[in-house]
Protein backbone atom coordinates (compact mmCIF):
# COMPACT_ATOMS: atom_id res chain seq x y z
CA MET A 1 0.00 0.00 0.00
CA ILE A 2 1.35 3.41 -0.85
CA GLU A 3 1.78 6.00 1.89
CA ASN A 4 -1.06 8.25 0.69
CA ASP A 5 -3.53 5.36 0.85
CA ALA A 6 -2.25 4.40 4.29
CA ARG A 7 -2.54 8.03 5.46
CA ALA A 8 -6.13 8.21 4.21
CA ALA A 9 -7.01 4.90 5.90
CA VAL A 10 -5.46 5.99 9.22
CA SER A 11 -7.22 9.37 9.10
CA ALA A 12 -10.56 7.74 8.33
CA ALA A 13 -10.10 5.20 11.14
CA ILE A 14 -9.19 7.93 13.63
CA ALA A 15 -12.22 9.96 12.55
CA GLN A 16 -14.46 6.93 13.07
CA VAL A 17 -13.05 6.04 16.49
CA ALA A 18 -12.64 9.59 17.79
CA PRO A 19 -14.99 11.87 15.82
CA ASP A 20 -14.02 14.90 17.91
CA ILE A 21 -10.49 14.88 16.42
CA VAL A 22 -10.04 17.08 13.36
CA THR A 23 -8.10 14.73 11.11
CA GLU A 24 -7.16 17.41 8.58
CA ASP A 25 -4.98 19.00 11.27
CA LEU A 26 -3.29 15.78 12.42
CA ASP A 27 0.41 16.11 13.14
CA ASP A 28 2.37 13.02 12.11
CA LYS A 29 4.30 13.30 15.37
CA ALA A 30 1.12 13.23 17.47
CA ARG A 31 1.15 10.34 19.93
CA LEU A 32 -2.00 8.28 19.66
CA ARG A 33 -2.60 7.73 23.36
CA GLN A 34 -1.13 10.89 24.87
CA ASP A 35 -1.70 13.66 22.33
CA LEU A 36 -4.88 12.32 20.71
CA GLU A 37 -6.05 11.03 24.10
CA LEU A 38 -7.08 7.62 22.81
CA ASP A 39 -7.67 5.32 25.76
CA SER A 40 -7.02 1.59 25.56
CA LEU A 41 -10.46 0.82 24.15
CA ASP A 42 -10.17 3.58 21.55
CA PHE A 43 -6.73 2.31 20.54
CA LEU A 44 -8.06 -1.23 20.13
CA ALA A 45 -11.01 0.07 18.13
CA LEU A 46 -8.58 1.97 15.90
CA ILE A 47 -6.50 -1.16 15.30
CA GLU A 48 -9.65 -3.20 14.57
CA THR A 49 -11.06 -0.56 12.23
CA LEU A 50 -7.79 -0.51 10.28
CA ALA A 51 -7.79 -4.31 10.09
CA GLN A 52 -11.31 -4.27 8.65
CA THR A 53 -10.66 -1.48 6.14
CA THR A 54 -7.11 -2.31 5.04
CA GLY A 55 -6.66 -5.98 5.88
CA VAL A 56 -3.62 -5.10 7.99
CA ASP A 57 -3.67 -7.07 11.21
CA THR A 58 -1.63 -5.59 14.05
CA PRO A 59 -0.74 -8.20 16.66
CA GLU A 60 -0.52 -7.05 20.25
CA SER A 61 3.23 -7.63 20.16
CA ASP A 62 3.49 -4.78 17.59
CA TYR A 63 1.51 -2.19 19.55
CA GLY A 64 4.75 -0.61 20.79
CA GLN A 65 5.73 0.08 17.18
CA VAL A 66 2.67 2.25 16.52
CA THR A 67 2.78 5.03 19.07
CA THR A 68 2.44 8.03 16.74
CA VAL A 69 0.29 8.85 13.73
CA ALA A 70 3.37 8.51 11.49
CA ASP A 71 4.24 5.13 13.02
CA LEU A 72 0.75 3.86 12.27
CA ILE A 73 0.80 5.20 8.70
CA ASN A 74 4.17 3.58 8.05
CA TYR A 75 3.06 0.30 9.63
CA VAL A 76 -0.06 0.11 7.47
CA ALA A 77 1.83 1.16 4.33
CA ALA A 78 4.49 -1.51 4.86
CA ARG A 79 2.01 -4.31 5.44
CA GLY A 80 -0.92 -3.34 3.26
């Protein structure tokens, strides 16, 4: 998957899980849990939404690799 497609998928998933976040203004360096204030359930919903829309499964052992918006985009792009 190319980066632009991954970026669009991540933005759409974030918008679905946390509709109060303005995805057009997302900073790639924003931390998912701290800066976007996604709690554990929101984070899991984000991972599940991305799995459903992109087919990219993120095992729990990889959660530490996806701490920022950019990390998640790169993860989806590399595996999609």
